[in-house]
Every structure is written in structure tokens, then in C-alpha cells.
Amino acid sequence: MPRLTNLEPMGTGEPARDPSASFRDPAGKLFMTDGRVFRAVSPQGLEDLAVFLCSRAGRRALDTRQVTATSEVPPEEARRLLDAQGLSPATYTLFEHERIPFPSYPYEWPPEMFQAAGAMTLELALALLGEGIGLKDGTPYNVLFRGPEPVFVDLLSFERRDPLDPTWLPYAQ
């Protein structure tokens, strides 16, 4: 997995956990420390994340920057960061995501941004489907914009799929 670059330090050094982050997904927890974005991933989430990161479509999405850059944090640093969050290093694997410098949210977007976010999400879902990977969470809140380009930021939204199951889980979103 690629190492992240261009992360800008900010803040006081105090760990900050967004109280709304990952509230529906038991596979992981999202938090920020010193302006860096981390995701602690549980064992069940790690299996699906590994499938996504090793897939051709997943690698292409990372290479084309449709999905936020992500790398595994080295064990010693991961242990320190997880301990500071009150999370067990024996339970979680820690990943660092690219920090999107100016996050915007769906309630702020004009129609053109909704269209770009939706088109990118559908394109990503279709590309992954051919490799047996589905999108379980397609909410627009999983998309931020890097300048004018949409970027999918929730890497735990991907899961292995039964190819015979016709249900598209994010349909209602």
C-alpha cells in the first residue's frame, strides 16, 4: 500500500474523535490527531478492506484518486495512536488516509457537485462489481471534493458480494 504524502499538521496534538464518525459501521473507527486522518479497522473490516485494496478496480481507484489515498501505519506508531484513543492495538489495524484540506458536505453542494459525486460513486460500484466487491454504503457523505474532483473517503463501504444477489444495498441512499 502506498505511503501518504502531503499531510498538513494542524491542531494542538490532542487526539480528536469525531462523535459522528463510523457510528453505523462496527468495522472501524475514524479519528484525527495533529491534522492526520486515521481509521482503526477491526478484523472483520480488515478482510473486506484487504480484498478492496488488492483488487484491480480498487488499485485503479486509488491510482486515479477516486478513492482517498490510504496506507497502513507502522506497528509502533499504530500502537501509540490507538492507545491514545483508548483502542486496543491487539484488536485494530490502523490506516492513515489522505487529509482532504477543505471538506464540504452534501447540504452545501450545488446540483453539479451532486451529479459528480453520484456518477463517481456509481462508476466505482460498477467497476468493483465485476470483481465480486459491492458497495454497502453509498451515502453522499462518503464523498468529499479535492478541488473540483469527487473522492470517495469511506474505505469500509466496500465488501465482498455474492454475485447472485441482485440487491444494491445503497439503493435508498
Protein backbone atom coordinates (compact mmCIF):
# COMPACT_ATOMS: atom_id res chain seq x y z
CA MET A 1 0.00 0.00 0.00
CA PRO A 2 1.31 3.48 -0.82
CA ARG A 3 2.63 5.79 1.87
CA LEU A 4 0.80 9.06 2.23
CA THR A 5 2.36 12.40 1.45
CA ASN A 6 1.19 15.99 1.69
CA LEU A 7 -0.41 15.65 5.12
CA GLU A 8 -0.52 19.04 6.77
CA PRO A 9 -0.01 19.18 10.54
CA MET A 10 -2.57 21.19 12.47
CA GLY A 11 -4.09 21.33 15.91
CA THR A 12 -2.65 21.05 19.38
CA GLY A 13 -1.59 17.43 19.28
CA GLU A 14 -4.63 16.36 21.28
CA PRO A 15 -6.46 13.37 19.80
CA ALA A 16 -9.86 14.26 18.40
CA ARG A 17 -12.56 11.75 17.61
CA ASP A 18 -15.47 12.93 15.51
CA PRO A 19 -18.50 11.77 17.51
CA SER A 20 -20.48 11.14 14.31
CA ALA A 21 -17.70 9.19 12.57
CA SER A 22 -18.29 5.50 11.91
CA PHE A 23 -21.36 5.41 14.12
CA ARG A 24 -23.09 2.90 11.84
CA ASP A 25 -20.12 0.74 10.91
CA PRO A 26 -18.77 -1.59 13.58
CA ALA A 27 -15.87 -2.49 11.25
CA GLY A 28 -13.90 0.64 12.12
CA LYS A 29 -13.49 3.95 13.87
CA LEU A 30 -12.30 7.21 12.35
CA PHE A 31 -10.28 9.81 14.26
CA MET A 32 -7.94 12.74 13.69
CA THR A 33 -4.72 13.60 15.50
CA ASP A 34 -2.46 16.52 14.59
CA GLY A 35 -4.39 17.08 11.38
CA ARG A 36 -3.86 13.48 10.29
CA VAL A 37 -6.80 11.21 9.50
CA PHE A 38 -6.76 7.66 10.85
CA ARG A 39 -9.09 4.70 10.61
CA ALA A 40 -8.86 1.87 13.14
CA VAL A 41 -10.13 -1.26 11.38
CA SER A 42 -11.48 -4.34 13.17
CA PRO A 43 -10.65 -7.87 11.99
CA GLN A 44 -13.96 -8.30 10.10
CA GLY A 45 -13.46 -4.95 8.36
CA LEU A 46 -9.84 -5.77 7.58
CA GLU A 47 -10.79 -8.76 5.44
CA ASP A 48 -13.05 -6.71 3.18
CA LEU A 49 -10.61 -3.79 3.09
CA ALA A 50 -7.80 -6.12 2.00
CA VAL A 51 -9.98 -7.54 -0.78
CA PHE A 52 -10.74 -4.00 -1.99
CA LEU A 53 -7.12 -2.80 -1.78
CA CYS A 54 -5.85 -5.86 -3.67
CA SER A 55 -8.48 -5.75 -6.42
CA ARG A 56 -7.68 -4.33 -9.86
CA ALA A 57 -10.59 -1.89 -9.64
CA GLY A 58 -9.57 -0.83 -6.11
CA ARG A 59 -5.97 -0.20 -7.17
CA ARG A 60 -7.19 1.74 -10.20
CA ALA A 61 -9.50 3.84 -7.98
CA LEU A 62 -6.54 4.61 -5.71
CA ASP A 63 -4.24 5.38 -8.65
CA THR A 64 -6.78 7.72 -10.27
CA ARG A 65 -7.53 9.32 -6.89
CA GLN A 66 -11.24 8.41 -6.96
CA VAL A 67 -10.64 6.92 -3.51
CA THR A 68 -8.67 8.64 -0.78
CA ALA A 69 -5.01 7.62 -0.53
CA THR A 70 -4.56 5.09 2.28
CA SER A 71 -1.63 3.33 3.91
CA GLU A 72 -1.14 1.07 6.89
CA VAL A 73 0.51 2.78 9.87
CA PRO A 74 3.73 1.09 11.10
CA PRO A 75 3.10 -1.06 14.21
CA GLU A 76 4.95 1.07 16.79
CA GLU A 77 3.22 4.29 15.73
CA ALA A 78 -0.11 2.46 15.44
CA ARG A 79 0.22 1.15 19.00
CA ARG A 80 0.88 4.67 20.34
CA LEU A 81 -2.01 6.24 18.40
CA LEU A 82 -4.51 3.51 19.24
CA ASP A 83 -3.57 3.63 22.94
CA ALA A 84 -4.16 7.41 22.93
CA GLN A 85 -7.68 6.77 21.57
CA GLY A 86 -8.42 4.06 24.13
CA LEU A 87 -8.48 1.43 21.39
CA SER A 88 -6.75 -1.93 21.68
CA PRO A 89 -3.75 -2.40 19.34
CA ALA A 90 -4.45 -6.14 19.63
CA THR A 91 -7.92 -5.61 18.12
CA TYR A 92 -7.46 -2.91 15.49
CA THR A 93 -5.21 -2.38 12.48
CA LEU A 94 -4.53 1.30 11.88
CA PHE A 95 -4.59 3.03 8.49
CA GLU A 96 -3.89 6.63 7.60
CA HIS A 97 -5.94 8.43 4.97
CA GLU A 98 -5.05 11.44 2.91
CA ARG A 99 -6.43 14.58 4.52
CA ILE A 100 -8.83 16.45 2.24
CA PRO A 101 -7.91 20.08 3.00
CA PHE A 102 -11.33 21.69 2.59
CA PRO A 103 -14.18 19.27 3.28
CA SER A 104 -17.63 20.21 2.02
CA TYR A 105 -20.84 18.35 2.69
CA PRO A 106 -23.87 17.44 0.55
CA TYR A 107 -26.10 20.10 2.08
CA GLU A 108 -23.61 22.70 0.75
CA TRP A 109 -23.32 21.33 -2.79
CA PRO A 110 -24.89 22.73 -5.95
CA PRO A 111 -26.55 20.21 -8.31
CA GLU A 112 -23.35 19.82 -10.36
CA MET A 113 -21.44 18.52 -7.32
CA PHE A 114 -24.23 16.04 -6.52
CA GLN A 115 -24.10 14.80 -10.10
CA ALA A 116 -20.29 14.42 -10.00
CA ALA A 117 -20.42 12.61 -6.64
CA GLY A 118 -23.21 10.27 -7.79
CA ALA A 119 -21.57 9.50 -11.12
CA MET A 120 -18.23 8.72 -9.46
CA THR A 121 -19.91 6.51 -6.83
CA LEU A 122 -21.81 4.54 -9.50
CA GLU A 123 -18.70 4.22 -11.69
CA LEU A 124 -16.72 2.90 -8.73
CA ALA A 125 -19.51 0.46 -7.74
CA LEU A 126 -19.81 -0.90 -11.29
CA ALA A 127 -16.05 -1.36 -11.67
CA LEU A 128 -15.84 -3.29 -8.38
CA LEU A 129 -18.89 -5.46 -9.04
CA GLY A 130 -17.02 -7.34 -11.75
CA GLU A 131 -14.53 -8.48 -9.10
CA GLY A 132 -17.14 -9.62 -6.58
CA ILE A 133 -16.98 -6.46 -4.47
CA GLY A 134 -20.05 -4.43 -3.63
CA LEU A 135 -20.76 -1.06 -2.13
CA LYS A 136 -22.70 -1.37 1.12
CA ASP A 137 -22.90 2.34 1.86
CA GLY A 138 -23.37 4.87 -0.95
CA THR A 139 -24.38 7.93 1.02
CA PRO A 140 -23.15 11.25 -0.39
CA TYR A 141 -21.50 11.84 3.00
CA ASN A 142 -18.87 9.31 1.90
CA VAL A 143 -17.75 11.72 -0.82
CA LEU A 144 -15.64 14.83 -0.34
CA PHE A 145 -14.18 17.06 -3.02
CA ARG A 146 -10.49 17.56 -3.70
CA GLY A 147 -10.87 20.83 -5.54
CA PRO A 148 -13.47 20.14 -8.24
CA GLU A 149 -12.95 16.34 -8.19
CA PRO A 150 -15.05 13.98 -6.04
CA VAL A 151 -13.18 11.50 -3.87
CA PHE A 152 -14.74 8.52 -2.04
CA VAL A 153 -13.45 8.55 1.54
CA ASP A 154 -15.07 5.59 3.34
CA LEU A 155 -12.96 2.55 2.52
CA LEU A 156 -15.05 0.37 4.83
CA SER A 157 -18.03 0.80 2.50
CA PHE A 158 -16.69 -1.96 0.25
CA GLU A 159 -17.45 -5.63 0.91
CA ARG A 160 -17.29 -8.98 -0.81
CA ARG A 161 -20.56 -9.77 -2.55
CA ASP A 162 -22.46 -12.85 -3.54
CA PRO A 163 -22.55 -12.48 -7.34
CA LEU A 164 -26.07 -13.95 -7.42
CA ASP A 165 -27.52 -11.37 -5.01
CA PRO A 166 -29.25 -8.69 -7.13
CA THR A 167 -29.79 -6.27 -4.23
CA TRP A 168 -27.91 -3.00 -4.37
CA LEU A 169 -27.60 -2.10 -0.70
CA PRO A 170 -27.19 1.69 -1.07
CA TYR A 171 -30.34 1.97 -3.20
CA ALA A 172 -32.28 4.04 -0.63
CA GLN A 173 -29.39 6.46 -0.17
